[in-house]
Amino acid sequence: MHGKATETAIAAMGYLAERFDDAANVSAYEIAKARKLQRPFVSKVLTELSRAGLVAGVRGPGGGFTLARAPETIYLQEVYDLFERTSGDACPFGGGICGVGEKCPLHDMFAEVREAEERILRETTFAVFRKKRKSA
């Protein structure tokens, strides 16, 4: 499970990855419009991504954002870790219901989902967005 900031960050980074070969800065407004997101929130998320060294920003006319590294070198996990706290518990019912005595009936199913999500985050780079644009 992930929050709005993570979703917005991945959407923004994905858009920047699509545009990476253009070698042009992209405004927060353009990203927000293209991904149908709220511009003030996109700006806030881009600021955090910039502080983390994942995007580079240029102020002023002709300014905007670009990925700080090639999309092939930035993993989804880096963005996820920036905005999410990991609970360490695969089951959404946690210790109050699951883990006290027997596991709940859903525990193993949710553990599989969590493991698959972790594998995708760990193994997938933003190059997947770059490929999307090339095939379009």
N, C-alpha and C. Protein backbone atom coordinates (compact mmCIF):
# COMPACT_ATOMS: atom_id res chain seq x y z
N MET A 1 0.84 -1.18 0.00
CA MET A 1 0.00 0.00 0.00
C MET A 1 0.89 1.24 0.00
N HIS A 2 0.45 2.26 -0.69
CA HIS A 2 1.25 3.46 -0.77
C HIS A 2 0.34 4.69 -0.81
N GLY A 3 0.94 5.83 -0.49
CA GLY A 3 0.18 7.06 -0.36
C GLY A 3 0.21 7.92 -1.61
N LYS A 4 -0.49 9.03 -1.50
CA LYS A 4 -0.63 9.97 -2.61
C LYS A 4 0.71 10.56 -3.04
N ALA A 5 1.58 10.85 -2.10
CA ALA A 5 2.89 11.42 -2.46
C ALA A 5 3.70 10.43 -3.29
N THR A 6 3.67 9.17 -2.93
CA THR A 6 4.40 8.14 -3.69
C THR A 6 3.83 8.02 -5.09
N GLU A 7 2.51 7.98 -5.19
CA GLU A 7 1.87 7.87 -6.51
C GLU A 7 2.21 9.08 -7.38
N THR A 8 2.17 10.27 -6.79
CA THR A 8 2.48 11.49 -7.53
C THR A 8 3.94 11.51 -7.96
N ALA A 9 4.83 11.09 -7.07
CA ALA A 9 6.26 11.07 -7.38
C ALA A 9 6.56 10.10 -8.51
N ILE A 10 5.96 8.93 -8.48
CA ILE A 10 6.19 7.95 -9.54
C ILE A 10 5.61 8.45 -10.86
N ALA A 11 4.44 9.08 -10.80
CA ALA A 11 3.84 9.64 -12.02
C ALA A 11 4.73 10.74 -12.60
N ALA A 12 5.23 11.63 -11.75
CA ALA A 12 6.10 12.72 -12.21
C ALA A 12 7.41 12.19 -12.76
N MET A 13 8.03 11.28 -12.03
CA MET A 13 9.30 10.70 -12.48
C MET A 13 9.09 9.93 -13.78
N GLY A 14 7.97 9.24 -13.89
CA GLY A 14 7.66 8.52 -15.13
C GLY A 14 7.55 9.47 -16.31
N TYR A 15 6.91 10.60 -16.10
CA TYR A 15 6.78 11.59 -17.18
C TYR A 15 8.16 12.14 -17.55
N LEU A 16 8.98 12.43 -16.56
CA LEU A 16 10.33 12.91 -16.83
C LEU A 16 11.15 11.84 -17.57
N ALA A 17 10.93 10.58 -17.25
CA ALA A 17 11.63 9.49 -17.95
C ALA A 17 11.18 9.43 -19.41
N GLU A 18 9.88 9.61 -19.65
CA GLU A 18 9.38 9.62 -21.03
C GLU A 18 10.04 10.74 -21.84
N ARG A 19 10.28 11.86 -21.20
CA ARG A 19 10.83 13.05 -21.86
C ARG A 19 12.35 13.14 -21.78
N PHE A 20 13.00 12.16 -21.18
CA PHE A 20 14.43 12.23 -20.90
C PHE A 20 15.26 12.46 -22.16
N ASP A 21 14.91 11.83 -23.26
CA ASP A 21 15.68 11.96 -24.49
C ASP A 21 15.52 13.33 -25.15
N ASP A 22 14.49 14.08 -24.75
CA ASP A 22 14.28 15.41 -25.31
C ASP A 22 15.30 16.42 -24.81
N ALA A 23 15.98 16.11 -23.70
CA ALA A 23 16.99 16.98 -23.09
C ALA A 23 16.44 18.37 -22.78
N ALA A 24 15.17 18.44 -22.45
CA ALA A 24 14.55 19.73 -22.12
C ALA A 24 14.00 19.66 -20.70
N ASN A 25 14.02 20.80 -20.03
CA ASN A 25 13.41 20.88 -18.71
C ASN A 25 11.89 20.89 -18.87
N VAL A 26 11.23 20.26 -17.91
CA VAL A 26 9.78 20.15 -17.94
C VAL A 26 9.22 20.83 -16.69
N SER A 27 8.23 21.68 -16.87
CA SER A 27 7.66 22.41 -15.73
C SER A 27 6.74 21.52 -14.90
N ALA A 28 6.57 21.90 -13.66
CA ALA A 28 5.62 21.21 -12.78
C ALA A 28 4.22 21.30 -13.37
N TYR A 29 3.90 22.44 -13.98
CA TYR A 29 2.60 22.62 -14.62
C TYR A 29 2.38 21.59 -15.72
N GLU A 30 3.39 21.40 -16.58
CA GLU A 30 3.28 20.43 -17.68
C GLU A 30 3.09 19.01 -17.15
N ILE A 31 3.85 18.66 -16.12
CA ILE A 31 3.73 17.32 -15.53
C ILE A 31 2.32 17.14 -14.96
N ALA A 32 1.87 18.14 -14.20
CA ALA A 32 0.55 18.06 -13.57
C ALA A 32 -0.54 17.91 -14.63
N LYS A 33 -0.44 18.69 -15.69
CA LYS A 33 -1.44 18.64 -16.76
C LYS A 33 -1.41 17.28 -17.46
N ALA A 34 -0.24 16.80 -17.79
CA ALA A 34 -0.10 15.53 -18.51
C ALA A 34 -0.59 14.34 -17.69
N ARG A 35 -0.37 14.38 -16.38
CA ARG A 35 -0.74 13.26 -15.51
C ARG A 35 -2.05 13.50 -14.75
N LYS A 36 -2.69 14.66 -15.03
CA LYS A 36 -3.95 15.01 -14.37
C LYS A 36 -3.81 15.04 -12.85
N LEU A 37 -2.81 15.79 -12.40
CA LEU A 37 -2.50 15.93 -10.98
C LEU A 37 -2.61 17.40 -10.58
N GLN A 38 -2.66 17.66 -9.29
CA GLN A 38 -2.72 19.03 -8.80
C GLN A 38 -1.31 19.64 -8.82
N ARG A 39 -1.16 20.79 -9.50
CA ARG A 39 0.14 21.40 -9.67
C ARG A 39 0.85 21.73 -8.37
N PRO A 40 0.16 22.30 -7.36
CA PRO A 40 0.90 22.60 -6.11
C PRO A 40 1.49 21.34 -5.46
N PHE A 41 0.75 20.24 -5.54
CA PHE A 41 1.26 19.01 -4.94
C PHE A 41 2.41 18.44 -5.76
N VAL A 42 2.32 18.53 -7.08
CA VAL A 42 3.41 18.08 -7.95
C VAL A 42 4.67 18.89 -7.63
N SER A 43 4.51 20.21 -7.46
CA SER A 43 5.66 21.06 -7.13
C SER A 43 6.30 20.64 -5.82
N LYS A 44 5.47 20.36 -4.83
CA LYS A 44 5.98 19.93 -3.52
C LYS A 44 6.75 18.62 -3.63
N VAL A 45 6.18 17.68 -4.35
CA VAL A 45 6.83 16.37 -4.52
C VAL A 45 8.13 16.52 -5.30
N LEU A 46 8.13 17.34 -6.34
CA LEU A 46 9.36 17.56 -7.11
C LEU A 46 10.46 18.18 -6.25
N THR A 47 10.08 19.04 -5.33
CA THR A 47 11.06 19.62 -4.41
C THR A 47 11.72 18.53 -3.58
N GLU A 48 10.92 17.61 -3.07
CA GLU A 48 11.46 16.49 -2.29
C GLU A 48 12.34 15.59 -3.15
N LEU A 49 11.92 15.33 -4.36
CA LEU A 49 12.72 14.51 -5.27
C LEU A 49 14.05 15.20 -5.60
N SER A 50 14.01 16.51 -5.71
CA SER A 50 15.23 17.28 -5.97
C SER A 50 16.19 17.21 -4.78
N ARG A 51 15.64 17.38 -3.58
CA ARG A 51 16.48 17.27 -2.37
C ARG A 51 17.14 15.90 -2.26
N ALA A 52 16.45 14.88 -2.74
CA ALA A 52 16.98 13.52 -2.68
C ALA A 52 17.94 13.22 -3.82
N GLY A 53 18.10 14.16 -4.75
CA GLY A 53 19.02 13.96 -5.86
C GLY A 53 18.47 13.11 -6.99
N LEU A 54 17.16 12.94 -7.04
CA LEU A 54 16.55 12.13 -8.09
C LEU A 54 16.15 12.97 -9.30
N VAL A 55 15.83 14.24 -9.08
CA VAL A 55 15.56 15.16 -10.19
C VAL A 55 16.44 16.39 -10.01
N ALA A 56 16.66 17.07 -11.12
CA ALA A 56 17.41 18.33 -11.09
C ALA A 56 16.46 19.42 -11.54
N GLY A 57 16.47 20.53 -10.81
CA GLY A 57 15.58 21.63 -11.14
C GLY A 57 16.35 22.88 -11.52
N VAL A 58 15.78 23.63 -12.45
CA VAL A 58 16.35 24.90 -12.89
C VAL A 58 15.26 25.94 -12.76
N ARG A 59 15.58 27.05 -12.08
CA ARG A 59 14.60 28.13 -11.91
C ARG A 59 14.64 29.09 -13.08
N GLY A 60 13.55 29.85 -13.20
CA GLY A 60 13.51 30.93 -14.17
C GLY A 60 12.99 30.52 -15.52
N PRO A 61 13.03 31.47 -16.48
CA PRO A 61 12.56 31.19 -17.84
C PRO A 61 13.33 30.02 -18.45
N GLY A 62 12.61 29.11 -19.03
CA GLY A 62 13.23 27.91 -19.61
C GLY A 62 13.58 26.88 -18.56
N GLY A 63 13.24 27.18 -17.32
CA GLY A 63 13.54 26.26 -16.23
C GLY A 63 12.56 25.11 -16.18
N GLY A 64 12.72 24.31 -15.18
CA GLY A 64 11.87 23.14 -15.00
C GLY A 64 12.68 22.02 -14.39
N PHE A 65 12.25 20.82 -14.65
CA PHE A 65 12.86 19.64 -14.04
C PHE A 65 13.25 18.61 -15.08
N THR A 66 14.24 17.84 -14.73
CA THR A 66 14.67 16.68 -15.51
C THR A 66 15.17 15.64 -14.52
N LEU A 67 15.27 14.41 -14.97
CA LEU A 67 15.85 13.39 -14.09
C LEU A 67 17.31 13.70 -13.85
N ALA A 68 17.77 13.46 -12.65
CA ALA A 68 19.17 13.72 -12.31
C ALA A 68 20.11 12.65 -12.87
N ARG A 69 19.55 11.49 -13.17
CA ARG A 69 20.31 10.37 -13.74
C ARG A 69 19.48 9.75 -14.86
N ALA A 70 20.11 8.91 -15.63
CA ALA A 70 19.39 8.20 -16.69
C ALA A 70 18.30 7.32 -16.07
N PRO A 71 17.16 7.19 -16.75
CA PRO A 71 16.06 6.41 -16.20
C PRO A 71 16.44 4.96 -15.87
N GLU A 72 17.41 4.42 -16.60
CA GLU A 72 17.84 3.04 -16.37
C GLU A 72 18.57 2.87 -15.04
N THR A 73 18.94 3.96 -14.41
CA THR A 73 19.71 3.88 -13.17
C THR A 73 18.90 4.28 -11.93
N ILE A 74 17.64 4.61 -12.14
CA ILE A 74 16.79 5.01 -11.01
C ILE A 74 15.71 3.96 -10.81
N TYR A 75 15.73 3.32 -9.66
CA TYR A 75 14.77 2.27 -9.35
C TYR A 75 13.54 2.83 -8.65
N LEU A 76 12.40 2.23 -8.91
CA LEU A 76 11.16 2.64 -8.23
C LEU A 76 11.33 2.62 -6.72
N GLN A 77 12.14 1.71 -6.22
CA GLN A 77 12.37 1.58 -4.78
C GLN A 77 12.90 2.87 -4.18
N GLU A 78 13.75 3.59 -4.91
CA GLU A 78 14.31 4.84 -4.40
C GLU A 78 13.22 5.87 -4.12
N VAL A 79 12.24 5.95 -4.99
CA VAL A 79 11.13 6.88 -4.82
C VAL A 79 10.22 6.40 -3.70
N TYR A 80 9.93 5.12 -3.71
CA TYR A 80 9.07 4.54 -2.68
C TYR A 80 9.66 4.79 -1.28
N ASP A 81 10.94 4.52 -1.13
CA ASP A 81 11.58 4.70 0.18
C ASP A 81 11.59 6.15 0.65
N LEU A 82 11.59 7.08 -0.29
CA LEU A 82 11.60 8.49 0.04
C LEU A 82 10.29 8.94 0.69
N PHE A 83 9.18 8.35 0.26
CA PHE A 83 7.87 8.81 0.70
C PHE A 83 7.11 7.84 1.62
N GLU A 84 7.57 6.63 1.74
CA GLU A 84 6.84 5.62 2.51
C GLU A 84 7.62 5.14 3.72
N ARG A 85 6.89 4.84 4.74
CA ARG A 85 7.47 4.14 5.90
C ARG A 85 7.06 2.68 5.78
N THR A 86 8.02 1.81 5.92
CA THR A 86 7.68 0.39 5.84
C THR A 86 7.27 -0.11 7.21
N SER A 87 6.18 -0.81 7.23
CA SER A 87 5.67 -1.32 8.50
C SER A 87 6.32 -2.64 8.88
N GLY A 88 6.83 -3.35 7.87
CA GLY A 88 7.43 -4.64 8.15
C GLY A 88 6.42 -5.75 8.34
N ASP A 89 5.13 -5.43 8.30
CA ASP A 89 4.09 -6.42 8.49
C ASP A 89 3.35 -6.61 7.17
N ALA A 90 3.39 -7.82 6.64
CA ALA A 90 2.76 -8.09 5.36
C ALA A 90 1.24 -8.09 5.44
N CYS A 91 0.70 -8.29 6.61
CA CYS A 91 -0.75 -8.38 6.76
C CYS A 91 -1.32 -7.03 7.19
N PRO A 92 -2.36 -6.55 6.50
CA PRO A 92 -2.92 -5.25 6.86
C PRO A 92 -3.63 -5.25 8.21
N PHE A 93 -3.88 -6.42 8.76
CA PHE A 93 -4.57 -6.49 10.05
C PHE A 93 -3.63 -6.37 11.23
N GLY A 94 -2.34 -6.52 10.98
CA GLY A 94 -1.33 -6.25 11.99
C GLY A 94 -1.46 -7.06 13.27
N GLY A 95 -0.71 -6.61 14.28
CA GLY A 95 -0.62 -7.34 15.54
C GLY A 95 -1.90 -7.41 16.35
N GLY A 96 -2.81 -6.46 16.17
CA GLY A 96 -4.03 -6.48 16.95
C GLY A 96 -4.96 -7.62 16.60
N ILE A 97 -4.94 -8.04 15.34
CA ILE A 97 -5.82 -9.11 14.89
C ILE A 97 -5.00 -10.29 14.40
N CYS A 98 -4.00 -10.00 13.59
CA CYS A 98 -3.15 -11.05 13.03
C CYS A 98 -1.81 -11.03 13.75
N GLY A 99 -1.29 -12.18 14.05
CA GLY A 99 0.01 -12.25 14.69
C GLY A 99 -0.07 -12.48 16.18
N VAL A 100 -1.28 -12.42 16.73
CA VAL A 100 -1.48 -12.76 18.13
C VAL A 100 -2.04 -14.17 18.12
N GLY A 101 -1.17 -15.12 18.37
CA GLY A 101 -1.60 -16.51 18.24
C GLY A 101 -1.51 -16.94 16.79
N GLU A 102 -2.62 -17.41 16.25
CA GLU A 102 -2.66 -17.88 14.86
C GLU A 102 -2.69 -16.72 13.88
N LYS A 103 -2.15 -16.97 12.68
CA LYS A 103 -2.25 -15.97 11.61
C LYS A 103 -3.70 -15.90 11.13
N CYS A 104 -4.10 -14.73 10.67
CA CYS A 104 -5.46 -14.60 10.13
C CYS A 104 -5.53 -15.35 8.79
N PRO A 105 -6.74 -15.66 8.32
CA PRO A 105 -6.88 -16.42 7.06
C PRO A 105 -6.32 -15.71 5.83
N LEU A 106 -6.15 -14.39 5.89
CA LEU A 106 -5.65 -13.63 4.74
C LEU A 106 -4.15 -13.39 4.78
N HIS A 107 -3.51 -13.70 5.89
CA HIS A 107 -2.11 -13.34 6.11
C HIS A 107 -1.19 -13.80 4.97
N ASP A 108 -1.22 -15.07 4.63
CA ASP A 108 -0.31 -15.60 3.62
C ASP A 108 -0.57 -15.00 2.24
N MET A 109 -1.84 -14.72 1.92
CA MET A 109 -2.16 -14.12 0.63
C MET A 109 -1.59 -12.70 0.55
N PHE A 110 -1.75 -11.92 1.62
CA PHE A 110 -1.21 -10.57 1.63
C PHE A 110 0.32 -10.58 1.64
N ALA A 111 0.92 -11.57 2.26
CA ALA A 111 2.38 -11.69 2.26
C ALA A 111 2.89 -11.90 0.84
N GLU A 112 2.19 -12.70 0.05
CA GLU A 112 2.58 -12.92 -1.35
C GLU A 112 2.48 -11.64 -2.16
N VAL A 113 1.41 -10.88 -1.94
CA VAL A 113 1.24 -9.62 -2.65
C VAL A 113 2.37 -8.66 -2.29
N ARG A 114 2.67 -8.58 -1.00
CA ARG A 114 3.73 -7.67 -0.53
C ARG A 114 5.09 -8.06 -1.12
N GLU A 115 5.36 -9.36 -1.17
CA GLU A 115 6.62 -9.84 -1.74
C GLU A 115 6.72 -9.48 -3.23
N ALA A 116 5.62 -9.62 -3.96
CA ALA A 116 5.61 -9.27 -5.38
C ALA A 116 5.83 -7.78 -5.56
N GLU A 117 5.17 -6.97 -4.73
CA GLU A 117 5.34 -5.52 -4.81
C GLU A 117 6.79 -5.14 -4.51
N GLU A 118 7.38 -5.72 -3.50
CA GLU A 118 8.77 -5.43 -3.16
C GLU A 118 9.72 -5.80 -4.28
N ARG A 119 9.46 -6.92 -4.96
CA ARG A 119 10.29 -7.35 -6.08
C ARG A 119 10.18 -6.35 -7.23
N ILE A 120 8.97 -5.90 -7.54
CA ILE A 120 8.78 -4.92 -8.61
C ILE A 120 9.51 -3.63 -8.29
N LEU A 121 9.37 -3.13 -7.08
CA LEU A 121 10.03 -1.89 -6.68
C LEU A 121 11.55 -2.02 -6.75
N ARG A 122 12.06 -3.15 -6.32
CA ARG A 122 13.50 -3.38 -6.24
C ARG A 122 14.13 -3.59 -7.62
N GLU A 123 13.39 -4.22 -8.56
CA GLU A 123 13.97 -4.61 -9.84
C GLU A 123 13.61 -3.70 -11.01
N THR A 124 12.65 -2.80 -10.85
CA THR A 124 12.16 -2.00 -11.96
C THR A 124 12.74 -0.59 -11.93
N THR A 125 13.26 -0.17 -13.07
CA THR A 125 13.76 1.20 -13.19
C THR A 125 12.75 2.04 -13.97
N PHE A 126 12.99 3.34 -13.98
CA PHE A 126 12.12 4.24 -14.71
C PHE A 126 12.28 4.12 -16.23
N ALA A 127 13.17 3.23 -16.68
CA ALA A 127 13.31 2.96 -18.10
C ALA A 127 12.02 2.38 -18.67
N VAL A 128 11.17 1.78 -17.85
CA VAL A 128 9.90 1.24 -18.35
C VAL A 128 9.05 2.36 -18.96
N PHE A 129 9.14 3.56 -18.43
CA PHE A 129 8.39 4.69 -18.98
C PHE A 129 9.02 5.18 -20.28
N ARG A 130 10.32 5.11 -20.35
CA ARG A 130 11.04 5.52 -21.55
C ARG A 130 10.68 4.60 -22.71
N LYS A 131 10.58 3.33 -22.45
CA LYS A 131 10.22 2.36 -23.47
C LYS A 131 8.79 2.59 -23.97
N LYS A 132 7.92 3.02 -23.05
CA LYS A 132 6.53 3.27 -23.41
C LYS A 132 6.46 4.35 -24.48
N ARG A 133 7.23 5.39 -24.33
CA ARG A 133 7.20 6.50 -25.28
C ARG A 133 7.79 6.06 -26.63
N LYS A 134 8.85 5.27 -26.59
CA LYS A 134 9.50 4.84 -27.82
C LYS A 134 8.58 3.93 -28.64
N SER A 135 7.74 3.14 -27.96
CA SER A 135 6.85 2.23 -28.67
C SER A 135 5.58 2.91 -29.15
N ALA A 136 5.33 4.13 -28.67
CA ALA A 136 4.08 4.81 -29.06
C ALA A 136 4.16 5.43 -30.43
